[in-house]
Protein backbone atom coordinates (compact mmCIF):
# COMPACT_ATOMS: atom_id res chain seq x y z
CA MET A 1 19.52 263.85 268.17
CA ASP A 2 21.62 267.08 267.89
CA GLY A 3 21.57 270.21 265.76
CA ASN A 4 23.73 268.79 262.95
CA GLU A 5 23.07 265.06 263.00
CA VAL A 6 20.07 262.78 262.57
CA TRP A 7 19.89 258.95 262.91
CA ILE A 8 17.21 257.02 261.06
CA HIS A 9 15.90 253.46 261.33
CA TYR A 10 13.44 251.86 258.91
CA ALA A 11 10.27 249.83 258.99
CA ASP A 12 11.96 247.04 257.01
CA ALA A 13 15.44 245.69 257.76
CA PRO A 14 18.22 247.66 256.00
CA GLY A 15 19.95 248.78 259.27
CA VAL A 16 20.35 252.43 260.40
CA THR A 17 21.55 255.59 258.66
CA ARG A 18 23.30 258.69 260.02
CA PHE A 19 22.67 262.00 258.23
CA ARG A 20 25.04 264.82 259.21
CA LEU A 21 25.64 268.43 258.06
CA ASP A 22 29.30 269.42 258.14
CA ASN A 23 30.00 272.98 256.93
CA GLN A 24 26.74 272.99 254.99
CA LYS A 25 27.72 269.73 253.29
CA ALA A 26 25.63 266.61 253.78
CA ALA A 27 27.32 263.34 254.80
CA VAL A 28 25.39 260.07 254.84
CA GLU A 29 26.71 256.91 256.53
CA HIS A 30 24.92 253.59 256.76
CA PHE A 31 25.35 250.84 259.37
CA SER A 32 24.24 247.24 258.94
CA GLN A 33 24.99 243.81 260.35
CA ARG A 34 28.18 243.82 258.29
CA ASP A 35 29.32 246.94 260.21
CA GLY A 36 28.71 245.40 263.68
CA LEU A 37 24.93 245.48 264.26
CA LEU A 38 23.44 242.35 265.79
CA ALA A 39 20.73 242.38 263.11
CA ASN A 40 19.60 244.62 260.28
CA GLU A 41 16.07 244.75 261.72
CA VAL A 42 15.98 247.69 264.18
CA PHE A 43 12.98 248.55 266.39
CA MET A 44 14.53 251.09 268.76
CA LEU A 45 17.02 253.91 268.29
CA GLY A 46 18.36 256.37 270.87
CA ARG A 47 21.34 258.49 272.07
CA ASP A 48 22.82 258.45 275.59
CA SER A 49 24.40 261.33 277.50
CA ALA A 50 27.88 260.32 276.27
CA GLY A 51 26.81 260.69 272.63
CA SER A 52 26.72 256.98 271.79
CA ILE A 53 23.92 255.61 269.62
CA TRP A 54 21.90 252.59 270.80
CA SER A 55 19.96 250.39 268.34
CA GLY A 56 17.78 247.49 269.36
CA GLY A 57 15.99 244.68 267.63
CA ALA A 58 14.96 241.08 268.12
CA GLN A 59 18.57 239.93 268.68
CA GLY A 60 19.62 242.40 271.39
CA LEU A 61 21.30 245.81 271.67
CA THR A 62 24.17 247.41 269.74
CA ARG A 63 26.06 250.48 270.95
CA ILE A 64 27.77 252.64 268.26
CA ALA A 65 30.39 254.85 269.88
CA SER A 66 31.64 258.11 268.43
CA GLY A 67 34.64 256.35 266.90
CA HIS A 68 32.37 253.93 265.05
CA ASP A 69 33.34 251.14 267.47
CA THR A 70 30.45 248.82 268.16
CA ARG A 71 29.58 246.67 271.14
CA ARG A 72 26.74 244.22 271.34
CA TYR A 73 24.66 243.23 274.39
CA ARG A 74 22.53 240.14 274.62
CA HIS A 75 20.90 238.02 277.28
CA ASP A 76 24.29 236.35 277.95
CA ASP A 77 25.75 239.78 278.79
CA GLY A 78 23.10 240.43 281.46
CA LEU A 79 20.30 241.86 279.30
CA ILE A 80 16.95 240.76 280.75
CA TRP A 81 15.79 239.75 277.28
CA ASP A 82 17.09 240.06 273.71
CA ASP A 83 13.85 241.22 272.02
CA GLN A 84 13.60 245.03 272.34
CA SER A 85 10.39 247.00 272.38
CA GLU A 86 9.78 249.69 269.78
CA GLY A 87 10.63 253.08 271.28
CA GLY A 88 11.69 251.43 274.57
CA PHE A 89 14.62 253.76 275.37
CA TYR A 90 15.15 256.34 278.11
CA ALA A 91 18.49 257.97 279.03
CA GLU A 92 18.86 259.50 282.51
CA GLN A 93 21.12 262.41 283.52
CA ASP A 94 23.53 260.20 285.48
CA GLY A 95 24.32 258.17 282.35
CA THR A 96 22.12 255.15 283.11
CA ILE A 97 19.70 253.93 280.45
CA LEU A 98 16.37 252.11 280.68
CA PHE A 99 15.47 249.62 277.90
CA GLY A 100 12.06 248.14 277.35
CA THR A 101 12.10 244.49 276.27
CA SER A 102 9.43 241.90 275.75
CA GLY A 103 10.70 240.27 278.98
CA GLY A 104 10.57 243.41 281.10
CA LEU A 105 12.50 246.63 281.85
CA ALA A 106 16.32 246.52 281.82
CA ARG A 107 18.65 249.13 283.34
CA TYR A 108 22.15 249.75 282.03
CA ASP A 109 24.79 251.39 284.27
CA PRO A 110 27.97 252.40 282.38
CA HIS A 111 29.88 252.80 285.68
CA ALA A 112 29.24 249.20 286.61
CA GLU A 113 30.35 248.05 283.11
CA LYS A 114 33.72 249.71 283.57
CA ALA A 115 34.19 247.78 286.81
CA PHE A 116 33.29 244.49 285.18
CA ALA A 117 34.84 244.82 281.71
CA PRO A 118 34.89 241.50 279.80
CA PRO A 119 38.33 239.92 279.57
CA ALA A 120 40.38 239.88 276.36
CA PHE A 121 40.97 236.58 274.49
CA ASP A 122 43.41 235.09 271.99
CA VAL A 123 43.21 233.05 268.77
CA VAL A 124 45.61 230.13 268.37
CA ILE A 125 46.37 228.18 265.16
CA THR A 126 46.35 224.52 266.22
CA SER A 127 47.25 222.86 262.88
CA ALA A 128 48.83 223.94 259.58
CA GLN A 129 49.32 221.32 256.87
CA LEU A 130 51.07 221.77 253.50
CA GLY A 131 50.18 219.01 251.08
CA GLY A 132 48.78 216.94 253.95
CA GLN A 133 52.00 217.24 256.00
CA GLU A 134 51.93 219.00 259.36
CA ARG A 135 54.29 221.99 259.22
CA LEU A 136 53.16 224.15 262.14
CA GLY A 137 56.26 223.52 264.22
CA ASP A 138 58.75 224.13 261.39
CA GLY A 139 60.94 227.21 261.60
CA ASN A 140 60.60 228.25 257.95
CA PRO A 141 58.01 225.94 256.48
CA GLU A 142 58.33 225.33 252.74
CA GLY A 143 56.28 223.16 250.44
CA THR A 144 57.18 221.79 247.04
CA HIS A 145 55.11 222.45 243.94
CA LYS A 146 53.27 219.22 244.73
CA GLU A 147 52.55 220.40 248.31
CA ASN A 148 50.74 223.55 247.24
CA THR A 149 47.63 223.07 249.40
CA LEU A 150 47.03 224.60 252.85
CA ARG A 151 44.70 223.26 255.55
CA ALA A 152 44.74 225.16 258.84
CA GLN A 153 42.68 224.80 262.06
CA PHE A 154 42.43 227.34 264.87
CA SER A 155 40.82 227.76 268.30
CA VAL A 156 39.58 230.74 270.31
CA LEU A 157 40.76 230.86 273.94
CA SER A 158 37.52 232.19 275.46
CA TYR A 159 34.88 230.47 277.63
CA ARG A 160 32.29 233.22 277.30
CA ASP A 161 29.82 232.12 274.60
CA PRO A 162 32.48 230.97 272.07
CA THR A 163 29.75 230.22 269.51
CA ALA A 164 28.94 233.95 269.32
CA LEU A 165 32.47 234.85 268.27
CA ARG A 166 32.89 236.14 264.70
CA CYS A 167 36.15 235.03 263.08
CA ARG A 168 37.77 236.23 259.85
CA SER A 169 40.74 234.98 257.87
CA ARG A 170 43.01 236.24 255.10
CA LEU A 171 45.88 234.63 253.18
CA ALA A 172 48.27 237.51 252.50
CA GLY A 173 49.95 237.04 249.16
CA LEU A 174 46.70 235.76 247.68
CA GLU A 175 43.91 237.86 249.24
CA SER A 176 43.70 241.55 250.14
CA GLU A 177 40.48 241.44 252.22
CA PHE A 178 39.46 239.39 255.24
CA THR A 179 36.71 236.81 254.80
CA GLU A 180 34.40 235.77 257.64
CA THR A 181 34.50 232.05 258.32
CA PRO A 182 31.91 230.28 260.50
CA ALA A 183 34.08 227.17 260.91
CA ARG A 184 37.35 226.89 262.78
CA GLU A 185 39.18 225.70 259.66
CA VAL A 186 40.41 227.24 256.39
CA ARG A 187 41.54 225.53 253.18
CA TYR A 188 43.43 226.77 250.12
CA ALA A 189 44.27 224.65 247.07
CA SER A 190 46.55 225.00 244.02
CA LEU A 191 48.66 227.80 245.43
CA ALA A 192 51.12 229.38 243.04
CA PRO A 193 54.82 229.52 243.99
CA GLY A 194 55.49 232.36 246.41
CA SER A 195 55.43 233.50 250.04
CA TYR A 196 52.16 233.55 252.04
CA THR A 197 50.98 234.50 255.55
CA LEU A 198 47.72 233.17 256.99
CA GLU A 199 46.09 235.72 259.34
CA ILE A 200 43.11 234.89 261.60
CA SER A 201 41.31 237.22 264.05
CA CYS A 202 38.05 236.97 266.02
CA GLU A 203 35.63 239.45 267.62
CA ALA A 204 33.28 238.90 270.56
CA GLU A 205 29.68 240.09 270.80
CA SER A 206 30.90 242.75 273.18
CA GLY A 207 33.10 244.23 270.44
CA ILE A 208 36.38 243.04 271.92
CA LYS A 209 38.78 241.86 269.19
CA SER A 210 41.58 239.37 269.53
CA LEU A 211 45.10 239.83 268.30
CA PRO A 212 45.52 238.10 264.91
CA ALA A 213 47.21 234.71 264.77
CA SER A 214 49.47 234.12 261.79
CA PHE A 215 51.30 231.33 259.97
CA SER A 216 53.89 232.15 257.30
CA PHE A 217 55.09 229.65 254.72
CA ARG A 218 56.47 229.43 251.22
CA VAL A 219 55.52 227.32 248.22
CA LEU A 220 58.61 226.43 246.20
CA PRO A 221 58.43 226.54 242.43
CA ALA A 222 58.96 223.48 240.24
CA TRP A 223 62.12 223.42 238.16
CA TRP A 224 60.18 224.64 235.15
CA GLN A 225 58.79 227.52 237.24
CA THR A 226 62.17 228.86 238.37
CA TRP A 227 63.58 232.06 236.94
CA TRP A 228 66.49 230.31 235.26
CA SER A 229 64.25 227.70 233.61
CA ARG A 230 61.91 230.41 232.45
CA SER A 231 64.89 232.38 231.17
CA LEU A 232 66.07 229.28 229.36
CA GLY A 233 62.53 228.82 228.09
CA VAL A 234 62.48 232.38 226.77
CA VAL A 235 65.89 231.85 225.15
CA PHE A 236 64.75 228.50 223.72
CA PHE A 237 61.53 230.08 222.45
CA ALA A 238 63.55 232.89 220.90
CA PHE A 239 65.82 230.36 219.20
CA MET A 240 62.80 228.34 218.10
CA LEU A 241 61.16 231.46 216.73
CA TYR A 242 64.41 232.45 215.05
CA GLY A 243 64.79 228.94 213.66
CA MET A 244 61.22 228.95 212.39
CA LEU A 245 61.75 232.32 210.77
CA ARG A 246 65.03 231.13 209.27
CA PHE A 247 63.38 227.92 208.05
CA ARG A 248 60.47 229.91 206.68
CA THR A 249 62.88 232.33 205.02
CA TYR A 250 64.91 229.42 203.67
CA SER A 251 61.74 227.75 202.36
CA LEU A 252 60.60 230.97 200.73
CA GLU A 253 64.08 231.55 199.32
CA LYS A 254 64.17 227.96 198.06
CA ASP A 255 60.73 228.38 196.50
CA ARG A 256 61.86 231.68 195.00
CA ARG A 257 64.99 230.07 193.53
CA ARG A 258 62.98 227.13 192.27
CA LEU A 259 60.45 229.50 190.76
CA GLU A 260 63.21 231.63 189.23
CA GLN A 261 64.87 228.50 187.87
CA ALA A 262 61.54 227.30 186.48
CA VAL A 263 60.93 230.73 184.96
CA ALA A 264 64.48 230.80 183.59
CA GLU A 265 64.11 227.30 182.16
CA ARG A 266 60.75 228.19 180.73
CA SER A 267 62.14 231.44 179.33
CA ALA A 268 65.11 229.55 177.86
CA GLU A 269 62.72 227.01 176.39
CA LEU A 270 60.56 229.77 174.96
CA GLU A 271 63.66 231.52 173.64
CA ARG A 272 64.83 228.25 172.10
CA LEU A 273 61.41 227.71 170.54
CA ASN A 274 61.35 231.30 169.35
CA GLN A 275 64.84 230.86 167.97
CA GLU A 276 63.71 227.69 166.23
CA LEU A 277 60.73 229.56 164.85
CA ARG A 278 63.00 232.37 163.72
CA GLU A 279 65.39 229.86 162.23
CA ALA A 280 62.50 228.04 160.57
CA SER A 281 61.23 231.31 159.16
CA LEU A 282 64.73 232.07 157.82
CA THR A 283 65.61 228.55 156.63
CA ASP A 284 64.58 226.58 153.58
CA PRO A 285 62.92 223.36 154.82
CA LEU A 286 64.10 221.17 151.90
CA THR A 287 67.79 222.02 151.71
CA GLY A 288 68.41 223.50 155.18
CA THR A 289 69.94 226.63 153.67
CA ARG A 290 68.86 230.20 154.30
CA ASN A 291 65.88 231.57 152.40
CA ARG A 292 64.99 234.88 150.74
CA ARG A 293 63.57 236.25 154.02
CA PHE A 294 66.94 235.77 155.72
CA PHE A 295 68.57 237.56 152.79
CA GLN A 296 66.18 240.50 153.15
CA VAL A 297 66.81 240.69 156.91
CA THR A 298 70.63 240.65 156.71
CA ILE A 299 71.56 242.25 153.40
CA GLU A 300 71.08 245.83 154.55
CA GLY A 301 73.68 245.41 157.26
CA ASP A 302 76.13 243.74 154.85
CA THR A 303 75.78 246.48 152.23
CA ARG A 304 76.14 249.27 154.80
CA GLN A 305 79.31 247.61 156.06
CA ALA A 306 80.75 247.43 152.54
CA ILE A 307 79.84 251.06 151.76
CA ARG A 308 81.30 252.25 155.08
CA SER A 309 84.53 250.37 154.40
CA TYR A 310 85.00 252.19 151.10
CA LEU A 311 84.02 255.59 152.48
CA THR A 312 86.27 255.43 155.56
CA ASP A 313 89.27 253.71 153.94
CA LYS A 314 89.89 255.70 150.76
CA ASP A 315 93.60 254.88 150.62
CA GLY A 316 92.80 251.37 149.55
CA GLY A 317 92.25 248.19 151.54
CA ARG A 318 91.38 244.55 151.10
CA ASN A 319 88.33 242.38 151.65
CA ARG A 320 85.80 245.20 151.37
CA ASP A 321 83.58 243.75 148.61
CA LEU A 322 80.36 241.76 148.53
CA ILE A 323 80.13 239.23 145.67
CA PHE A 324 76.70 237.91 144.73
CA TYR A 325 76.82 234.45 143.01
CA ILE A 326 73.61 233.01 141.53
CA VAL A 327 74.03 229.25 140.97
CA ASP A 328 71.56 227.30 138.85
CA ALA A 329 71.54 223.51 138.23
CA ASP A 330 71.86 222.67 134.54
CA LEU A 331 69.10 220.52 132.95
CA PHE A 332 67.49 219.95 136.34
CA LYS A 333 64.01 219.52 134.81
CA GLU A 334 65.20 216.35 133.07
CA VAL A 335 65.98 214.77 136.44
CA ASN A 336 62.45 215.46 137.68
CA ASP A 337 60.94 214.20 134.41
CA LEU A 338 63.06 211.03 134.21
CA TYR A 339 63.41 210.01 137.87
CA GLY A 340 60.67 211.88 139.73
CA HIS A 341 60.53 214.76 142.16
CA ALA A 342 61.93 212.71 145.05
CA ALA A 343 65.10 212.15 143.08
CA GLY A 344 65.12 215.86 142.17
CA ASP A 345 64.83 216.82 145.86
CA GLU A 346 67.67 214.40 146.68
CA MET A 347 69.82 215.99 143.99
CA LEU A 348 69.07 219.50 145.37
CA GLY A 349 70.14 218.35 148.84
CA GLU A 350 73.40 216.92 147.53
CA MET A 351 73.99 220.04 145.44
CA THR A 352 73.50 222.16 148.55
CA ARG A 353 76.17 220.17 150.39
CA ARG A 354 78.62 220.52 147.49
CA ILE A 355 78.13 224.29 147.23
CA GLN A 356 78.40 224.61 151.01
CA SER A 357 81.73 222.78 150.94
CA ALA A 358 83.01 225.13 148.25
CA ILE A 359 82.29 228.44 150.00
CA ARG A 360 83.87 229.94 153.13
CA MET A 361 82.45 230.02 156.68
CA SER A 362 81.79 233.75 156.37
CA ASP A 363 79.79 233.27 153.15
CA VAL A 364 76.01 232.78 153.17
CA LEU A 365 74.18 230.22 151.00
CA VAL A 366 70.55 231.11 150.17
CA ARG A 367 68.05 229.01 148.24
CA TRP A 368 66.91 231.60 145.73
CA GLY A 369 64.08 229.60 144.23
CA GLY A 370 63.56 226.22 142.52
CA GLU A 371 67.01 224.91 141.60
CA GLU A 372 68.65 228.36 142.00
CA PHE A 373 70.95 229.31 144.88
CA LEU A 374 72.42 232.66 145.91
CA VAL A 375 75.83 232.84 147.55
CA VAL A 376 76.68 236.09 149.36
CA SER A 377 80.44 236.15 149.71
CA ARG A 378 81.39 238.76 152.35
CA TYR A 379 84.71 240.44 153.11
CA THR A 380 86.29 239.43 149.81
CA GLU A 381 87.96 240.95 146.72
CA ARG A 382 86.28 241.24 143.31
CA SER A 383 89.61 240.47 141.70
CA GLU A 384 89.39 237.00 143.28
CA ALA A 385 85.72 236.39 142.43
CA THR A 386 86.56 233.85 139.68
CA THR A 387 88.33 231.63 142.24
CA LEU A 388 85.14 230.91 144.20
CA ALA A 389 83.11 230.59 140.99
CA SER A 390 85.59 228.03 139.66
CA ARG A 391 85.47 226.12 142.97
CA ILE A 392 81.66 225.94 142.84
CA LEU A 393 81.70 224.70 139.25
CA HIS A 394 84.26 222.07 140.18
CA MET A 395 82.48 220.80 143.34
CA VAL A 396 79.10 220.51 141.56
CA GLY A 397 80.16 219.03 138.19
CA ASN A 398 83.25 216.97 139.01
CA GLU A 399 81.45 213.95 140.52
CA PRO A 400 78.18 212.28 139.47
CA PHE A 401 75.10 212.52 141.78
CA GLN A 402 74.04 209.22 143.39
CA LEU A 403 70.23 209.25 143.38
CA LYS A 404 69.23 206.52 145.83
CA HIS A 405 65.49 206.94 145.25
CA ALA A 406 65.93 206.21 141.55
CA GLY A 407 68.93 203.88 141.95
CA VAL A 408 70.94 205.69 139.29
CA SER A 409 74.06 207.83 139.04
CA VAL A 410 73.62 211.09 137.15
CA ARG A 411 76.25 213.65 136.20
CA ARG A 412 75.00 217.21 136.27
CA THR A 413 76.70 220.61 136.14
CA CYS A 414 75.69 224.13 137.14
CA SER A 415 75.88 227.65 135.76
CA VAL A 416 76.98 230.65 137.81
CA GLY A 417 76.40 234.37 137.36
CA TRP A 418 78.11 236.84 139.68
CA ALA A 419 78.52 240.58 140.25
CA ALA A 420 80.39 242.71 142.81
CA PHE A 421 79.03 245.29 145.26
CA PRO A 422 79.63 248.19 145.43
CA TRP A 423 79.49 248.51 141.69
CA PHE A 424 81.67 251.63 141.60
CA CYS A 425 84.43 251.62 144.17
CA ALA A 426 84.85 255.40 144.06
CA VAL A 427 81.13 256.01 144.58
CA PRO A 428 80.01 252.93 146.57
CA ASP A 429 76.41 254.10 147.08
CA ALA A 430 75.74 255.01 143.45
CA ILE A 431 74.17 251.61 142.64
CA GLY A 432 71.97 249.69 145.07
CA TYR A 433 72.46 246.03 145.88
CA GLU A 434 69.20 245.18 144.09
CA ALA A 435 70.73 246.27 140.78
CA VAL A 436 73.88 244.27 141.47
CA VAL A 437 71.81 241.12 142.16
CA GLU A 438 69.98 241.77 138.90
CA LEU A 439 73.34 242.05 137.11
CA ALA A 440 74.35 238.70 138.62
CA ASP A 441 71.11 237.22 137.30
CA GLN A 442 71.89 238.62 133.82
CA ALA A 443 75.34 237.06 134.10
CA LEU A 444 73.71 233.68 134.90
CA TYR A 445 71.53 234.05 131.81
CA ALA A 446 74.66 234.77 129.75
CA ALA A 447 76.33 231.62 131.17
CA LYS A 448 73.31 229.59 130.10
CA GLN A 449 73.45 231.12 126.63
CA LEU A 450 77.16 230.33 126.32
CA GLY A 451 76.52 226.62 126.84
CA ARG A 452 76.17 226.07 130.62
CA ASN A 453 78.77 224.60 133.00
CA ARG A 454 80.50 227.93 133.27
CA ALA A 455 80.52 231.13 135.33
CA VAL A 456 80.03 234.63 133.94
CA GLY A 457 80.80 237.69 136.04
CA MET A 458 79.79 241.31 135.61
CA LEU A 459 82.24 244.15 136.37
CA PRO A 460 81.83 247.88 135.59
CA ARG A 461 83.25 249.01 132.24
CA ASP A 462 84.20 252.44 133.63
CA ALA A 463 87.12 252.11 135.98
CA ASP A 464 86.14 255.05 138.14
CA LEU A 465 83.39 257.70 138.31
CA GLY A 466 85.56 260.24 140.10
CA ASP A 467 83.76 262.22 142.75
CA SER A 468 80.33 261.83 141.16
CA THR A 469 77.56 260.99 143.60
CA ARG A 470 74.71 260.73 141.13
CA LYS A 471 72.41 257.73 141.31
CA LEU A 472 72.37 255.48 138.25
CA SER A 473 69.64 253.16 137.04
CA LEU A 474 70.28 249.60 135.84
CA ASP A 475 69.83 250.71 132.20
CA GLN A 476 72.68 253.25 132.61
CA VAL A 477 75.16 250.63 133.85
CA ARG A 478 77.75 249.35 131.37
CA ALA A 479 79.36 246.04 132.28
CA THR A 480 82.18 243.81 131.17
CA GLN A 481 81.69 240.03 131.26
CA VAL A 482 84.28 237.73 132.83
CA THR A 483 83.83 234.06 131.91
CA THR A 484 85.09 231.04 133.87
CA LEU A 485 84.70 227.53 132.39
CA GLY A 486 83.62 224.42 134.23
CA PRO A 487 85.77 221.23 134.50
CA GLY A 488 84.20 219.41 131.56
CA VAL A 489 84.46 222.39 129.26
CA ALA A 490 88.09 222.95 130.19
CA LYS A 491 89.00 219.40 129.19
CA ALA A 492 87.18 219.74 125.85
CA ALA A 493 89.01 222.97 125.10
CA SER A 494 92.39 221.33 125.86
CA ALA A 495 91.61 218.43 123.53
CA ARG A 496 90.87 220.80 120.66
CA ASP A 497 94.05 222.72 121.22
């Protein structure tokens, strides 16, 4: 062909290939029916004096000019026959070319072609329907969202073999490439809202192309496809999302509060049950009074308070003492023996109520064991200890006990032994509270020995120990007894006098 370029055709039908060296770099370009050849099957290949490439096959001739423009020649263009012979090509110096065909020898004269150039032609759109309605004559055709289909027909204004024309179409706004269409009609369905332009162009076998015909139109959006409806939709969705989040947060917060309330109620219930258990562990089940365990739990705090009061207020003060009263029912065993244990339990309950009514709110009543009770009188004066003892004797022995289980009325008295803590006011921690309780018990024994229905108190014989801080045992304590008579004894003594 020339020093830098070679054209190749193949035994099968893939078209032709140009191989070219440009500054020692190889460039390969392939041509097929899609690029303008009449057919991919090529029998003959040659170059004319003008540098154009001629390829021939069973469908006719194709000329590829230097600018890659193609023109096709068939029997209708004056070729003696379409079927070309293999190797049937000869280019003369004057520019004419001889082609060998199966129908004979054909001669091509480029000078004569210039004198008889084929005329140009136009493409005309004859119909354009939107949603089935003809809109070709409208100035600015618009279709609603229901008229979003396009059906267009077109015609080619050429009388020279119109069936050999190749037409292509493209709907700008939807497609970027042209598509070849064998029919004279195009259809598009379900077009989205927007602006479109239909473009149609055709090309003759000779390579002459028509000017494109066009039809512009617009598909209007539905109300829900407009920007304001979509903006409202976004706002509504945002509010819905916000509402859902708020509702979800409210539900979670409600569940959290309900759970917290349930936990609080359960905790309060557990605390109440624990308190009941603690109260049960500190309460005597028969009489409802406190028991020894309660005494052991609270007495340390009471004694420390009394000792601290004496140590910090050395100039003298009131209501700093603890008085321990041990109360025992007189001849209680006879009640159990004569009327039964149920009557004895009833008597203990009534006795508890009478003692409770005799003491103050700040005092503590403890069931000490059997028919014995311990009264811890707090924030009081030892000089007034006989007043409470006398009140207890009076409340217990003044009225008979109504025993409903036995159906009888029984008069019973009690004996009381008491002692004050701290034992020595000047040295409040010299004697422990255990020794003082033991002294109160000895005082109760003395009251029993003296004839019952009376109270005996124990007070230290030494008025003051000075600044001594030595610890004394119970055997080293010397006490003075203070006796208080019950109501029955007082009347007997008056009668004798």
